[in-house]
Amino acid sequence: MRGVTLVLLALLGYVHAELWFGRSGLPRVLELRAQVNEQQALNEQARARNERLQAEVTDLQTGREIIEEKARAELGMLRPDELLVQYTHPTR
């Protein structure tokens, strides 16, 4: 009877050790949680970028102001009756 108890305790210890430190144990769970947190942060950044892009697309589809703003900022375009004046601070 004592031998059976010792074998059962040894098996219980082995199963318990495998649960905590095995291939799918506590270290693996902590690693996966860190990966999930990292991926959630990346997803949030992508979601914010997508929202900005969607707002820009909506502006481009509905209004002319954004088109004019982009033409001025990115292409340096001016209206025929405008004069471009640039002021730079003198360096010391």
PDB file of N, CA and C in Angstrom:
ATOM      1  N   MET A   1       0.821  -1.189   0.000  1.00  0.00           N
ATOM      2  CA  MET A   1       0.000   0.000   0.000  1.00  0.00           C
ATOM      3  C   MET A   1       0.867   1.256   0.000  1.00  0.00           C
ATOM      4  N   ARG A   2       1.952   1.200   0.747  1.00  0.00           N
ATOM      5  CA  ARG A   2       2.829   2.361   0.840  1.00  0.00           C
ATOM      6  C   ARG A   2       3.491   2.641  -0.506  1.00  0.00           C
ATOM      7  N   GLY A   3       3.838   1.607  -1.260  1.00  0.00           N
ATOM      8  CA  GLY A   3       4.453   1.762  -2.580  1.00  0.00           C
ATOM      9  C   GLY A   3       3.498   2.420  -3.564  1.00  0.00           C
ATOM     10  N   VAL A   4       2.231   2.034  -3.512  1.00  0.00           N
ATOM     11  CA  VAL A   4       1.218   2.621  -4.404  1.00  0.00           C
ATOM     12  C   VAL A   4       1.065   4.104  -4.078  1.00  0.00           C
ATOM     13  N   THR A   5       1.051   4.456  -2.811  1.00  0.00           N
ATOM     14  CA  THR A   5       0.916   5.857  -2.403  1.00  0.00           C
ATOM     15  C   THR A   5       2.099   6.674  -2.914  1.00  0.00           C
ATOM     16  N   LEU A   6       3.299   6.122  -2.793  1.00  0.00           N
ATOM     17  CA  LEU A   6       4.474   6.832  -3.271  1.00  0.00           C
ATOM     18  C   LEU A   6       4.446   7.009  -4.794  1.00  0.00           C
ATOM     19  N   VAL A   7       4.003   5.987  -5.518  1.00  0.00           N
ATOM     20  CA  VAL A   7       3.912   6.086  -6.977  1.00  0.00           C
ATOM     21  C   VAL A   7       2.883   7.142  -7.360  1.00  0.00           C
ATOM     22  N   LEU A   8       1.743   7.126  -6.694  1.00  0.00           N
ATOM     23  CA  LEU A   8       0.704   8.112  -6.980  1.00  0.00           C
ATOM     24  C   LEU A   8       1.173   9.529  -6.649  1.00  0.00           C
ATOM     25  N   LEU A   9       1.879   9.700  -5.550  1.00  0.00           N
ATOM     26  CA  LEU A   9       2.428  11.016  -5.207  1.00  0.00           C
ATOM     27  C   LEU A   9       3.469  11.471  -6.230  1.00  0.00           C
ATOM     28  N   ALA A  10       4.291  10.544  -6.704  1.00  0.00           N
ATOM     29  CA  ALA A  10       5.287  10.873  -7.718  1.00  0.00           C
ATOM     30  C   ALA A  10       4.606  11.295  -9.017  1.00  0.00           C
ATOM     31  N   LEU A  11       3.570  10.560  -9.402  1.00  0.00           N
ATOM     32  CA  LEU A  11       2.824  10.931 -10.608  1.00  0.00           C
ATOM     33  C   LEU A  11       2.138  12.282 -10.438  1.00  0.00           C
ATOM     34  N   LEU A  12       1.569  12.527  -9.288  1.00  0.00           N
ATOM     35  CA  LEU A  12       0.933  13.811  -9.015  1.00  0.00           C
ATOM     36  C   LEU A  12       1.961  14.939  -9.074  1.00  0.00           C
ATOM     37  N   GLY A  13       3.132  14.711  -8.527  1.00  0.00           N
ATOM     38  CA  GLY A  13       4.197  15.709  -8.589  1.00  0.00           C
ATOM     39  C   GLY A  13       4.649  15.967 -10.020  1.00  0.00           C
ATOM     40  N   TYR A  14       4.747  14.896 -10.804  1.00  0.00           N
ATOM     41  CA  TYR A  14       5.143  15.052 -12.201  1.00  0.00           C
ATOM     42  C   TYR A  14       4.105  15.856 -12.979  1.00  0.00           C
ATOM     43  N   VAL A  15       2.833  15.524 -12.804  1.00  0.00           N
ATOM     44  CA  VAL A  15       1.758  16.238 -13.499  1.00  0.00           C
ATOM     45  C   VAL A  15       1.726  17.700 -13.068  1.00  0.00           C
ATOM     46  N   HIS A  16       1.903  17.932 -11.791  1.00  0.00           N
ATOM     47  CA  HIS A  16       1.904  19.300 -11.273  1.00  0.00           C
ATOM     48  C   HIS A  16       3.085  20.098 -11.834  1.00  0.00           C
ATOM     49  N   ALA A  17       4.258  19.481 -11.870  1.00  0.00           N
ATOM     50  CA  ALA A  17       5.435  20.154 -12.421  1.00  0.00           C
ATOM     51  C   ALA A  17       5.242  20.436 -13.915  1.00  0.00           C
ATOM     52  N   GLU A  18       4.639  19.504 -14.633  1.00  0.00           N
ATOM     53  CA  GLU A  18       4.377  19.706 -16.060  1.00  0.00           C
ATOM     54  C   GLU A  18       3.379  20.846 -16.272  1.00  0.00           C
ATOM     55  N   LEU A  19       2.418  20.946 -15.395  1.00  0.00           N
ATOM     56  CA  LEU A  19       1.429  22.016 -15.485  1.00  0.00           C
ATOM     57  C   LEU A  19       2.078  23.381 -15.314  1.00  0.00           C
ATOM     58  N   TRP A  20       2.991  23.510 -14.387  1.00  0.00           N
ATOM     59  CA  TRP A  20       3.611  24.805 -14.112  1.00  0.00           C
ATOM     60  C   TRP A  20       4.788  25.115 -15.010  1.00  0.00           C
ATOM     61  N   PHE A  21       5.616  24.139 -15.301  1.00  0.00           N
ATOM     62  CA  PHE A  21       6.876  24.400 -15.992  1.00  0.00           C
ATOM     63  C   PHE A  21       7.017  23.690 -17.332  1.00  0.00           C
ATOM     64  N   GLY A  22       6.008  22.991 -17.773  1.00  0.00           N
ATOM     65  CA  GLY A  22       6.085  22.222 -19.008  1.00  0.00           C
ATOM     66  C   GLY A  22       5.932  23.074 -20.257  1.00  0.00           C
ATOM     67  N   ARG A  23       5.702  22.383 -21.380  1.00  0.00           N
ATOM     68  CA  ARG A  23       5.622  23.041 -22.675  1.00  0.00           C
ATOM     69  C   ARG A  23       4.487  24.064 -22.741  1.00  0.00           C
ATOM     70  N   SER A  24       3.404  23.799 -22.077  1.00  0.00           N
ATOM     71  CA  SER A  24       2.286  24.744 -22.070  1.00  0.00           C
ATOM     72  C   SER A  24       2.021  25.248 -20.654  1.00  0.00           C
ATOM     73  N   GLY A  25       3.085  25.415 -19.911  1.00  0.00           N
ATOM     74  CA  GLY A  25       2.969  25.835 -18.523  1.00  0.00           C
ATOM     75  C   GLY A  25       2.996  27.343 -18.357  1.00  0.00           C
ATOM     76  N   LEU A  26       3.293  27.749 -17.159  1.00  0.00           N
ATOM     77  CA  LEU A  26       3.276  29.160 -16.782  1.00  0.00           C
ATOM     78  C   LEU A  26       4.217  30.026 -17.606  1.00  0.00           C
ATOM     79  N   PRO A  27       5.457  29.640 -17.872  1.00  0.00           N
ATOM     80  CA  PRO A  27       6.323  30.503 -18.692  1.00  0.00           C
ATOM     81  C   PRO A  27       5.744  30.748 -20.089  1.00  0.00           C
ATOM     82  N   ARG A  28       5.162  29.720 -20.676  1.00  0.00           N
ATOM     83  CA  ARG A  28       4.564  29.861 -22.012  1.00  0.00           C
ATOM     84  C   ARG A  28       3.349  30.783 -21.959  1.00  0.00           C
ATOM     85  N   VAL A  29       2.559  30.668 -20.927  1.00  0.00           N
ATOM     86  CA  VAL A  29       1.384  31.538 -20.773  1.00  0.00           C
ATOM     87  C   VAL A  29       1.825  32.993 -20.644  1.00  0.00           C
ATOM     88  N   LEU A  30       2.852  33.248 -19.856  1.00  0.00           N
ATOM     89  CA  LEU A  30       3.352  34.615 -19.702  1.00  0.00           C
ATOM     90  C   LEU A  30       3.903  35.154 -21.023  1.00  0.00           C
ATOM     91  N   GLU A  31       4.584  34.307 -21.773  1.00  0.00           N
ATOM     92  CA  GLU A  31       5.112  34.711 -23.074  1.00  0.00           C
ATOM     93  C   GLU A  31       3.977  35.048 -24.043  1.00  0.00           C
ATOM     94  N   LEU A  32       2.953  34.224 -24.053  1.00  0.00           N
ATOM     95  CA  LEU A  32       1.819  34.477 -24.932  1.00  0.00           C
ATOM     96  C   LEU A  32       1.063  35.740 -24.534  1.00  0.00           C
ATOM     97  N   ARG A  33       0.946  35.989 -23.242  1.00  0.00           N
ATOM     98  CA  ARG A  33       0.281  37.228 -22.794  1.00  0.00           C
ATOM     99  C   ARG A  33       1.056  38.453 -23.261  1.00  0.00           C
ATOM    100  N   ALA A  34       2.387  38.383 -23.185  1.00  0.00           N
ATOM    101  CA  ALA A  34       3.211  39.502 -23.653  1.00  0.00           C
ATOM    102  C   ALA A  34       3.027  39.710 -25.152  1.00  0.00           C
ATOM    103  N   GLN A  35       2.953  38.624 -25.909  1.00  0.00           N
ATOM    104  CA  GLN A  35       2.727  38.732 -27.349  1.00  0.00           C
ATOM    105  C   GLN A  35       1.360  39.330 -27.652  1.00  0.00           C
ATOM    106  N   VAL A  36       0.357  38.929 -26.894  1.00  0.00           N
ATOM    107  CA  VAL A  36      -0.994  39.467 -27.090  1.00  0.00           C
ATOM    108  C   VAL A  36      -1.007  40.962 -26.796  1.00  0.00           C
ATOM    109  N   ASN A  37      -0.364  41.378 -25.711  1.00  0.00           N
ATOM    110  CA  ASN A  37      -0.316  42.807 -25.377  1.00  0.00           C
ATOM    111  C   ASN A  37       0.394  43.608 -26.459  1.00  0.00           C
ATOM    112  N   GLU A  38       1.497  43.067 -26.965  1.00  0.00           N
ATOM    113  CA  GLU A  38       2.230  43.751 -28.031  1.00  0.00           C
ATOM    114  C   GLU A  38       1.375  43.866 -29.288  1.00  0.00           C
ATOM    115  N   GLN A  39       0.680  42.794 -29.638  1.00  0.00           N
ATOM    116  CA  GLN A  39      -0.159  42.816 -30.831  1.00  0.00           C
ATOM    117  C   GLN A  39      -1.333  43.765 -30.657  1.00  0.00           C
ATOM    118  N   GLN A  40      -1.892  43.840 -29.462  1.00  0.00           N
ATOM    119  CA  GLN A  40      -2.986  44.781 -29.217  1.00  0.00           C
ATOM    120  C   GLN A  40      -2.519  46.222 -29.379  1.00  0.00           C
ATOM    121  N   ALA A  41      -1.299  46.519 -28.941  1.00  0.00           N
ATOM    122  CA  ALA A  41      -0.758  47.869 -29.114  1.00  0.00           C
ATOM    123  C   ALA A  41      -0.567  48.181 -30.601  1.00  0.00           C
ATOM    124  N   LEU A  42      -0.046  47.215 -31.355  1.00  0.00           N
ATOM    125  CA  LEU A  42       0.113  47.412 -32.800  1.00  0.00           C
ATOM    126  C   LEU A  42      -1.241  47.590 -33.481  1.00  0.00           C
ATOM    127  N   ASN A  43      -2.218  46.811 -33.045  1.00  0.00           N
ATOM    128  CA  ASN A  43      -3.559  46.933 -33.616  1.00  0.00           C
ATOM    129  C   ASN A  43      -4.155  48.297 -33.336  1.00  0.00           C
ATOM    130  N   GLU A  44      -3.938  48.825 -32.149  1.00  0.00           N
ATOM    131  CA  GLU A  44      -4.470  50.138 -31.797  1.00  0.00           C
ATOM    132  C   GLU A  44      -3.824  51.226 -32.653  1.00  0.00           C
ATOM    133  N   GLN A  45      -2.516  51.115 -32.888  1.00  0.00           N
ATOM    134  CA  GLN A  45      -1.830  52.070 -33.755  1.00  0.00           C
ATOM    135  C   GLN A  45      -2.383  51.996 -35.180  1.00  0.00           C
ATOM    136  N   ALA A  46      -2.590  50.778 -35.668  1.00  0.00           N
ATOM    137  CA  ALA A  46      -3.138  50.605 -37.014  1.00  0.00           C
ATOM    138  C   ALA A  46      -4.566  51.140 -37.094  1.00  0.00           C
ATOM    139  N   ARG A  47      -5.343  50.931 -36.044  1.00  0.00           N
ATOM    140  CA  ARG A  47      -6.718  51.421 -36.021  1.00  0.00           C
ATOM    141  C   ARG A  47      -6.745  52.952 -36.068  1.00  0.00           C
ATOM    142  N   ALA A  48      -5.868  53.593 -35.317  1.00  0.00           N
ATOM    143  CA  ALA A  48      -5.807  55.058 -35.323  1.00  0.00           C
ATOM    144  C   ALA A  48      -5.379  55.565 -36.699  1.00  0.00           C
ATOM    145  N   ARG A  49      -4.407  54.907 -37.306  1.00  0.00           N
ATOM    146  CA  ARG A  49      -3.959  55.299 -38.647  1.00  0.00           C
ATOM    147  C   ARG A  49      -5.086  55.114 -39.653  1.00  0.00           C
ATOM    148  N   ASN A  50      -5.810  54.016 -39.563  1.00  0.00           N
ATOM    149  CA  ASN A  50      -6.926  53.777 -40.471  1.00  0.00           C
ATOM    150  C   ASN A  50      -8.013  54.832 -40.311  1.00  0.00           C
ATOM    151  N   GLU A  51      -8.276  55.243 -39.081  1.00  0.00           N
ATOM    152  CA  GLU A  51      -9.282  56.280 -38.849  1.00  0.00           C
ATOM    153  C   GLU A  51      -8.845  57.605 -39.469  1.00  0.00           C
ATOM    154  N   ARG A  52      -7.554  57.943 -39.328  1.00  0.00           N
ATOM    155  CA  ARG A  52      -7.053  59.182 -39.950  1.00  0.00           C
ATOM    156  C   ARG A  52      -7.181  59.114 -41.470  1.00  0.00           C
ATOM    157  N   LEU A  53      -6.800  57.976 -42.040  1.00  0.00           N
ATOM    158  CA  LEU A  53      -6.898  57.823 -43.485  1.00  0.00           C
ATOM    159  C   LEU A  53      -8.350  57.861 -43.958  1.00  0.00           C
ATOM    160  N   GLN A  54      -9.246  57.249 -43.192  1.00  0.00           N
ATOM    161  CA  GLN A  54     -10.660  57.261 -43.566  1.00  0.00           C
ATOM    162  C   GLN A  54     -11.213  58.678 -43.522  1.00  0.00           C
ATOM    163  N   ALA A  55     -10.810  59.449 -42.526  1.00  0.00           N
ATOM    164  CA  ALA A  55     -11.252  60.842 -42.443  1.00  0.00           C
ATOM    165  C   ALA A  55     -10.723  61.635 -43.630  1.00  0.00           C
ATOM    166  N   GLU A  56      -9.485  61.375 -44.025  1.00  0.00           N
ATOM    167  CA  GLU A  56      -8.912  62.072 -45.180  1.00  0.00           C
ATOM    168  C   GLU A  56      -9.634  61.687 -46.461  1.00  0.00           C
ATOM    169  N   VAL A  57      -9.961  60.414 -46.619  1.00  0.00           N
ATOM    170  CA  VAL A  57     -10.700  59.962 -47.802  1.00  0.00           C
ATOM    171  C   VAL A  57     -12.065  60.619 -47.848  1.00  0.00           C
ATOM    172  N   THR A  58     -12.739  60.685 -46.711  1.00  0.00           N
ATOM    173  CA  THR A  58     -14.051  61.326 -46.650  1.00  0.00           C
ATOM    174  C   THR A  58     -13.947  62.798 -47.017  1.00  0.00           C
ATOM    175  N   ASP A  59     -12.928  63.467 -46.505  1.00  0.00           N
ATOM    176  CA  ASP A  59     -12.723  64.875 -46.847  1.00  0.00           C
ATOM    177  C   ASP A  59     -12.471  65.052 -48.343  1.00  0.00           C
ATOM    178  N   LEU A  60     -11.673  64.160 -48.910  1.00  0.00           N
ATOM    179  CA  LEU A  60     -11.382  64.258 -50.343  1.00  0.00           C
ATOM    180  C   LEU A  60     -12.630  64.015 -51.190  1.00  0.00           C
ATOM    181  N   GLN A  61     -13.510  63.146 -50.719  1.00  0.00           N
ATOM    182  CA  GLN A  61     -14.719  62.843 -51.473  1.00  0.00           C
ATOM    183  C   GLN A  61     -15.772  63.932 -51.354  1.00  0.00           C
ATOM    184  N   THR A  62     -15.813  64.626 -50.225  1.00  0.00           N
ATOM    185  CA  THR A  62     -16.906  65.560 -49.992  1.00  0.00           C
ATOM    186  C   THR A  62     -16.534  67.017 -50.195  1.00  0.00           C
ATOM    187  N   GLY A  63     -15.311  67.391 -49.969  1.00  0.00           N
ATOM    188  CA  GLY A  63     -14.990  68.812 -50.007  1.00  0.00           C
ATOM    189  C   GLY A  63     -13.806  69.130 -50.876  1.00  0.00           C
ATOM    190  N   ARG A  64     -13.728  70.382 -51.271  1.00  0.00           N
ATOM    191  CA  ARG A  64     -12.619  70.832 -52.097  1.00  0.00           C
ATOM    192  C   ARG A  64     -11.502  71.430 -51.260  1.00  0.00           C
ATOM    193  N   GLU A  65     -11.771  71.750 -50.006  1.00  0.00           N
ATOM    194  CA  GLU A  65     -10.765  72.396 -49.169  1.00  0.00           C
ATOM    195  C   GLU A  65      -9.527  71.518 -48.988  1.00  0.00           C
ATOM    196  N   ILE A  66      -9.750  70.234 -48.764  1.00  0.00           N
ATOM    197  CA  ILE A  66      -8.606  69.342 -48.531  1.00  0.00           C
ATOM    198  C   ILE A  66      -7.783  69.184 -49.810  1.00  0.00           C
ATOM    199  N   ILE A  67      -8.450  69.185 -50.958  1.00  0.00           N
ATOM    200  CA  ILE A  67      -7.729  69.075 -52.227  1.00  0.00           C
ATOM    201  C   ILE A  67      -6.844  70.309 -52.425  1.00  0.00           C
ATOM    202  N   GLU A  68      -7.426  71.472 -52.155  1.00  0.00           N
ATOM    203  CA  GLU A  68      -6.657  72.710 -52.279  1.00  0.00           C
ATOM    204  C   GLU A  68      -5.504  72.742 -51.290  1.00  0.00           C
ATOM    205  N   GLU A  69      -5.756  72.298 -50.067  1.00  0.00           N
ATOM    206  CA  GLU A  69      -4.703  72.278 -49.042  1.00  0.00           C
ATOM    207  C   GLU A  69      -3.559  71.362 -49.458  1.00  0.00           C
ATOM    208  N   LYS A  70      -3.878  70.175 -49.970  1.00  0.00           N
ATOM    209  CA  LYS A  70      -2.835  69.240 -50.409  1.00  0.00           C
ATOM    210  C   LYS A  70      -2.067  69.802 -51.603  1.00  0.00           C
ATOM    211  N   ALA A  71      -2.771  70.432 -52.534  1.00  0.00           N
ATOM    212  CA  ALA A  71      -2.096  71.004 -53.701  1.00  0.00           C
ATOM    213  C   ALA A  71      -1.115  72.097 -53.278  1.00  0.00           C
ATOM    214  N   ARG A  72      -1.508  72.887 -52.311  1.00  0.00           N
ATOM    215  CA  ARG A  72      -0.636  73.953 -51.844  1.00  0.00           C
ATOM    216  C   ARG A  72       0.558  73.392 -51.066  1.00  0.00           C
ATOM    217  N   ALA A  73       0.282  72.486 -50.140  1.00  0.00           N
ATOM    218  CA  ALA A  73       1.340  71.985 -49.252  1.00  0.00           C
ATOM    219  C   ALA A  73       2.301  71.039 -49.964  1.00  0.00           C
ATOM    220  N   GLU A  74       1.755  70.089 -50.728  1.00  0.00           N
ATOM    221  CA  GLU A  74       2.598  69.043 -51.302  1.00  0.00           C
ATOM    222  C   GLU A  74       3.135  69.397 -52.683  1.00  0.00           C
ATOM    223  N   LEU A  75       2.380  70.182 -53.458  1.00  0.00           N
ATOM    224  CA  LEU A  75       2.791  70.479 -54.826  1.00  0.00           C
ATOM    225  C   LEU A  75       3.257  71.914 -55.017  1.00  0.00           C
ATOM    226  N   GLY A  76       3.056  72.744 -53.995  1.00  0.00           N
ATOM    227  CA  GLY A  76       3.479  74.133 -54.085  1.00  0.00           C
ATOM    228  C   GLY A  76       2.668  74.953 -55.073  1.00  0.00           C
ATOM    229  N   MET A  77       1.438  74.565 -55.294  1.00  0.00           N
ATOM    230  CA  MET A  77       0.589  75.256 -56.269  1.00  0.00           C
ATOM    231  C   MET A  77       0.005  76.531 -55.674  1.00  0.00           C
ATOM    232  N   LEU A  78      -0.195  77.518 -56.546  1.00  0.00           N
ATOM    233  CA  LEU A  78      -0.783  78.799 -56.165  1.00  0.00           C
ATOM    234  C   LEU A  78      -1.920  79.127 -57.132  1.00  0.00           C
ATOM    235  N   ARG A  79      -2.811  79.970 -56.683  1.00  0.00           N
ATOM    236  CA  ARG A  79      -3.839  80.495 -57.584  1.00  0.00           C
ATOM    237  C   ARG A  79      -3.183  81.526 -58.510  1.00  0.00           C
ATOM    238  N   PRO A  80      -3.800  81.802 -59.653  1.00  0.00           N
ATOM    239  CA  PRO A  80      -3.192  82.743 -60.606  1.00  0.00           C
ATOM    240  C   PRO A  80      -2.986  84.139 -60.031  1.00  0.00           C
ATOM    241  N   ASP A  81      -3.826  84.571 -59.107  1.00  0.00           N
ATOM    242  CA  ASP A  81      -3.709  85.923 -58.585  1.00  0.00           C
ATOM    243  C   ASP A  81      -2.950  85.986 -57.263  1.00  0.00           C
ATOM    244  N   GLU A  82      -2.279  84.910 -56.871  1.00  0.00           N
ATOM    245  CA  GLU A  82      -1.564  84.885 -55.594  1.00  0.00           C
ATOM    246  C   GLU A  82      -0.067  85.085 -55.800  1.00  0.00           C
ATOM    247  N   LEU A  83       0.553  85.552 -54.741  1.00  0.00           N
ATOM    248  CA  LEU A  83       2.000  85.739 -54.722  1.00  0.00           C
ATOM    249  C   LEU A  83       2.540  85.010 -53.501  1.00  0.00           C
ATOM    250  N   LEU A  84       3.512  84.170 -53.671  1.00  0.00           N
ATOM    251  CA  LEU A  84       4.089  83.404 -52.573  1.00  0.00           C
ATOM    252  C   LEU A  84       5.194  84.215 -51.920  1.00  0.00           C
ATOM    253  N   VAL A  85       5.073  84.401 -50.630  1.00  0.00           N
ATOM    254  CA  VAL A  85       6.077  85.119 -49.847  1.00  0.00           C
ATOM    255  C   VAL A  85       6.550  84.175 -48.754  1.00  0.00           C
ATOM    256  N   GLN A  86       7.832  83.922 -48.700  1.00  0.00           N
ATOM    257  CA  GLN A  86       8.389  83.065 -47.656  1.00  0.00           C
ATOM    258  C   GLN A  86       9.279  83.893 -46.770  1.00  0.00           C
ATOM    259  N   TYR A  87       9.120  83.708 -45.476  1.00  0.00           N
ATOM    260  CA  TYR A  87       9.916  84.437 -44.503  1.00  0.00           C
ATOM    261  C   TYR A  87      10.714  83.417 -43.714  1.00  0.00           C
ATOM    262  N   THR A  88      12.000  83.618 -43.648  1.00  0.00           N
ATOM    263  CA  THR A  88      12.847  82.741 -42.851  1.00  0.00           C
ATOM    264  C   THR A  88      13.523  83.565 -41.777  1.00  0.00           C
ATOM    265  N   HIS A  89      13.691  82.960 -40.626  1.00  0.00           N
ATOM    266  CA  HIS A  89      14.371  83.642 -39.530  1.00  0.00           C
ATOM    267  C   HIS A  89      15.868  83.679 -39.813  1.00  0.00           C
ATOM    268  N   PRO A  90      16.490  84.826 -39.650  1.00  0.00           N
ATOM    269  CA  PRO A  90      17.943  84.872 -39.872  1.00  0.00           C
ATOM    270  C   PRO A  90      18.682  84.066 -38.802  1.00  0.00           C
ATOM    271  N   THR A  91      19.717  83.409 -39.223  1.00  0.00           N
ATOM    272  CA  THR A  91      20.521  82.646 -38.258  1.00  0.00           C
ATOM    273  C   THR A  91      21.525  83.565 -37.597  1.00  0.00           C
ATOM    274  N   ARG A  92      21.841  83.288 -36.385  1.00  0.00           N
ATOM    275  CA  ARG A  92      22.753  84.130 -35.598  1.00  0.00           C
ATOM    276  C   ARG A  92      24.171  83.728 -35.765  1.00  0.00           C
TER     277      ARG A  92
END
